[in-house]
C-alpha atoms as a PDB file:
ATOM      1  CA  MET A   1     -49.397  10.207 -26.119  1.00  0.00           C
ATOM      2  CA  ALA A   2     -46.486  12.174 -24.692  1.00  0.00           C
ATOM      3  CA  ALA A   3     -46.603  14.405 -27.786  1.00  0.00           C
ATOM      4  CA  LEU A   4     -49.990  15.722 -26.683  1.00  0.00           C
ATOM      5  CA  ASN A   5     -48.477  17.005 -23.414  1.00  0.00           C
ATOM      6  CA  TYR A   6     -45.453  18.657 -25.034  1.00  0.00           C
ATOM      7  CA  VAL A   7     -45.485  22.439 -24.568  1.00  0.00           C
ATOM      8  CA  GLY A   8     -42.620  24.002 -26.488  1.00  0.00           C
ATOM      9  CA  LYS A   9     -42.218  27.019 -28.685  1.00  0.00           C
ATOM     10  CA  GLN A  10     -42.584  24.938 -31.830  1.00  0.00           C
ATOM     11  CA  ALA A  11     -43.716  21.366 -32.343  1.00  0.00           C
ATOM     12  CA  ASP A  12     -41.087  18.912 -33.531  1.00  0.00           C
ATOM     13  CA  TYR A  13     -43.495  16.060 -34.277  1.00  0.00           C
ATOM     14  CA  VAL A  14     -46.419  15.251 -36.551  1.00  0.00           C
ATOM     15  CA  TYR A  15     -49.779  14.406 -34.992  1.00  0.00           C
ATOM     16  CA  ASP A  16     -52.077  12.435 -37.265  1.00  0.00           C
ATOM     17  CA  GLN A  17     -55.815  12.614 -36.653  1.00  0.00           C
ATOM     18  CA  SER A  18     -58.754  11.620 -38.805  1.00  0.00           C
ATOM     19  CA  LEU A  19     -62.505  11.970 -38.577  1.00  0.00           C
ATOM     20  CA  THR A  20     -65.180   9.811 -40.128  1.00  0.00           C
ATOM     21  CA  LEU A  21     -68.688  11.183 -40.108  1.00  0.00           C
ATOM     22  CA  ASP A  22     -71.443   8.627 -40.628  1.00  0.00           C
ATOM     23  CA  THR A  23     -74.535  10.295 -42.050  1.00  0.00           C
ATOM     24  CA  ALA A  24     -77.882   9.037 -43.266  1.00  0.00           C
ATOM     25  CA  ASP A  25     -78.159   8.880 -47.048  1.00  0.00           C
ATOM     26  CA  HIS A  26     -81.697   9.710 -48.120  1.00  0.00           C
ATOM     27  CA  GLU A  27     -80.591  10.497 -51.689  1.00  0.00           C
ATOM     28  CA  ASP A  28     -82.631  13.689 -51.437  1.00  0.00           C
ATOM     29  CA  HIS A  29     -79.945  16.293 -51.984  1.00  0.00           C
ATOM     30  CA  THR A  30     -77.553  17.646 -54.559  1.00  0.00           C
ATOM     31  CA  PHE A  31     -74.466  19.739 -53.979  1.00  0.00           C
ATOM     32  CA  CYS A  32     -71.356  20.725 -55.840  1.00  0.00           C
ATOM     33  CA  GLY A  33     -68.997  21.466 -52.984  1.00  0.00           C
ATOM     34  CA  ILE A  34     -68.351  21.501 -49.269  1.00  0.00           C
ATOM     35  CA  MET A  35     -66.899  24.155 -46.977  1.00  0.00           C
ATOM     36  CA  TRP A  36     -65.868  24.164 -43.337  1.00  0.00           C
ATOM     37  CA  ASN A  37     -63.722  26.109 -40.895  1.00  0.00           C
ATOM     38  CA  ILE A  38     -60.461  24.583 -39.675  1.00  0.00           C
ATOM     39  CA  SER A  39     -58.425  26.009 -36.822  1.00  0.00           C
ATOM     40  CA  CYS A  40     -55.750  24.948 -34.388  1.00  0.00           C
ATOM     41  CA  LYS A  41     -56.268  24.974 -30.649  1.00  0.00           C
ATOM     42  CA  GLU A  42     -55.360  28.359 -29.203  1.00  0.00           C
ATOM     43  CA  GLY A  43     -51.907  28.353 -27.596  1.00  0.00           C
ATOM     44  CA  ALA A  44     -50.817  25.098 -29.253  1.00  0.00           C
ATOM     45  CA  PRO A  45     -47.241  25.052 -30.598  1.00  0.00           C
ATOM     46  CA  ILE A  46     -48.399  24.611 -34.203  1.00  0.00           C
ATOM     47  CA  THR A  47     -46.946  26.531 -37.121  1.00  0.00           C
ATOM     48  CA  THR A  48     -48.515  24.558 -39.991  1.00  0.00           C
ATOM     49  CA  LEU A  49     -51.684  22.539 -40.505  1.00  0.00           C
ATOM     50  CA  TYR A  50     -51.889  20.164 -43.470  1.00  0.00           C
ATOM     51  CA  VAL A  51     -55.072  18.561 -44.777  1.00  0.00           C
ATOM     52  CA  THR A  52     -53.713  15.654 -46.780  1.00  0.00           C
ATOM     53  CA  SER A  53     -56.929  14.133 -48.045  1.00  0.00           C
ATOM     54  CA  ILE A  54     -60.690  14.266 -48.077  1.00  0.00           C
ATOM     55  CA  ALA A  55     -63.086  11.523 -49.131  1.00  0.00           C
ATOM     56  CA  VAL A  56     -66.714  11.776 -50.157  1.00  0.00           C
ATOM     57  CA  ARG A  57     -69.082   9.126 -51.386  1.00  0.00           C
ATOM     58  CA  GLY A  58     -71.130   9.212 -54.543  1.00  0.00           C
ATOM     59  CA  ARG A  59     -70.374  10.310 -58.091  1.00  0.00           C
ATOM     60  CA  LEU A  60     -69.268  13.879 -57.572  1.00  0.00           C
ATOM     61  CA  GLY A  61     -66.666  14.002 -60.307  1.00  0.00           C
ATOM     62  CA  ASP A  62     -63.773  16.390 -59.737  1.00  0.00           C
ATOM     63  CA  VAL A  63     -63.624  18.012 -56.306  1.00  0.00           C
ATOM     64  CA  SER A  64     -61.763  21.292 -55.741  1.00  0.00           C
ATOM     65  CA  VAL A  65     -60.393  22.596 -52.446  1.00  0.00           C
ATOM     66  CA  TYR A  66     -60.469  26.300 -51.627  1.00  0.00           C
ATOM     67  CA  ALA A  67     -59.426  28.462 -48.695  1.00  0.00           C
ATOM     68  CA  THR A  68     -60.351  32.011 -47.823  1.00  0.00           C
ATOM     69  CA  ASN A  69     -57.783  34.674 -48.670  1.00  0.00           C
ATOM     70  CA  ASP A  70     -57.929  35.799 -45.028  1.00  0.00           C
ATOM     71  CA  PRO A  71     -57.516  32.827 -42.657  1.00  0.00           C
ATOM     72  CA  ASN A  72     -59.461  34.694 -39.965  1.00  0.00           C
ATOM     73  CA  THR A  73     -62.586  34.939 -42.136  1.00  0.00           C
ATOM     74  CA  PRO A  74     -65.098  32.116 -41.602  1.00  0.00           C
ATOM     75  CA  TYR A  75     -66.268  30.393 -44.778  1.00  0.00           C
ATOM     76  CA  ASP A  76     -69.927  31.336 -44.278  1.00  0.00           C
ATOM     77  CA  LYS A  77     -69.005  35.019 -44.706  1.00  0.00           C
ATOM     78  CA  VAL A  78     -67.486  34.415 -48.176  1.00  0.00           C
ATOM     79  CA  SER A  79     -69.196  31.251 -49.474  1.00  0.00           C
ATOM     80  CA  THR A  80     -70.921  33.217 -52.251  1.00  0.00           C
ATOM     81  CA  LYS A  81     -67.914  35.450 -53.050  1.00  0.00           C
ATOM     82  CA  PRO A  82     -65.402  33.453 -55.143  1.00  0.00           C
ATOM     83  CA  ASP A  83     -63.077  36.470 -55.343  1.00  0.00           C
ATOM     84  CA  LYS A  84     -62.438  35.932 -51.598  1.00  0.00           C
ATOM     85  CA  TRP A  85     -61.176  32.341 -52.146  1.00  0.00           C
ATOM     86  CA  ARG A  86     -57.831  30.940 -53.195  1.00  0.00           C
END
């Protein structure tokens, strides 16, 4: 875990982290997409953040990934404004 304590101007390593969220499935909902905010810890020597995969259960069909045009705009401010996505 030495990489977690490294404080340089720019990271020279890749840190891999994953999250699994276990939720109750009451089969009482329908949706066609998901949105969330992603940010790096303030002051961390990170220049790039890659999301390499996402997994969902069920028969959703094709899933698209979008980001806001302005990375400082939270998704809930533009979730109904597709012209603000990319």
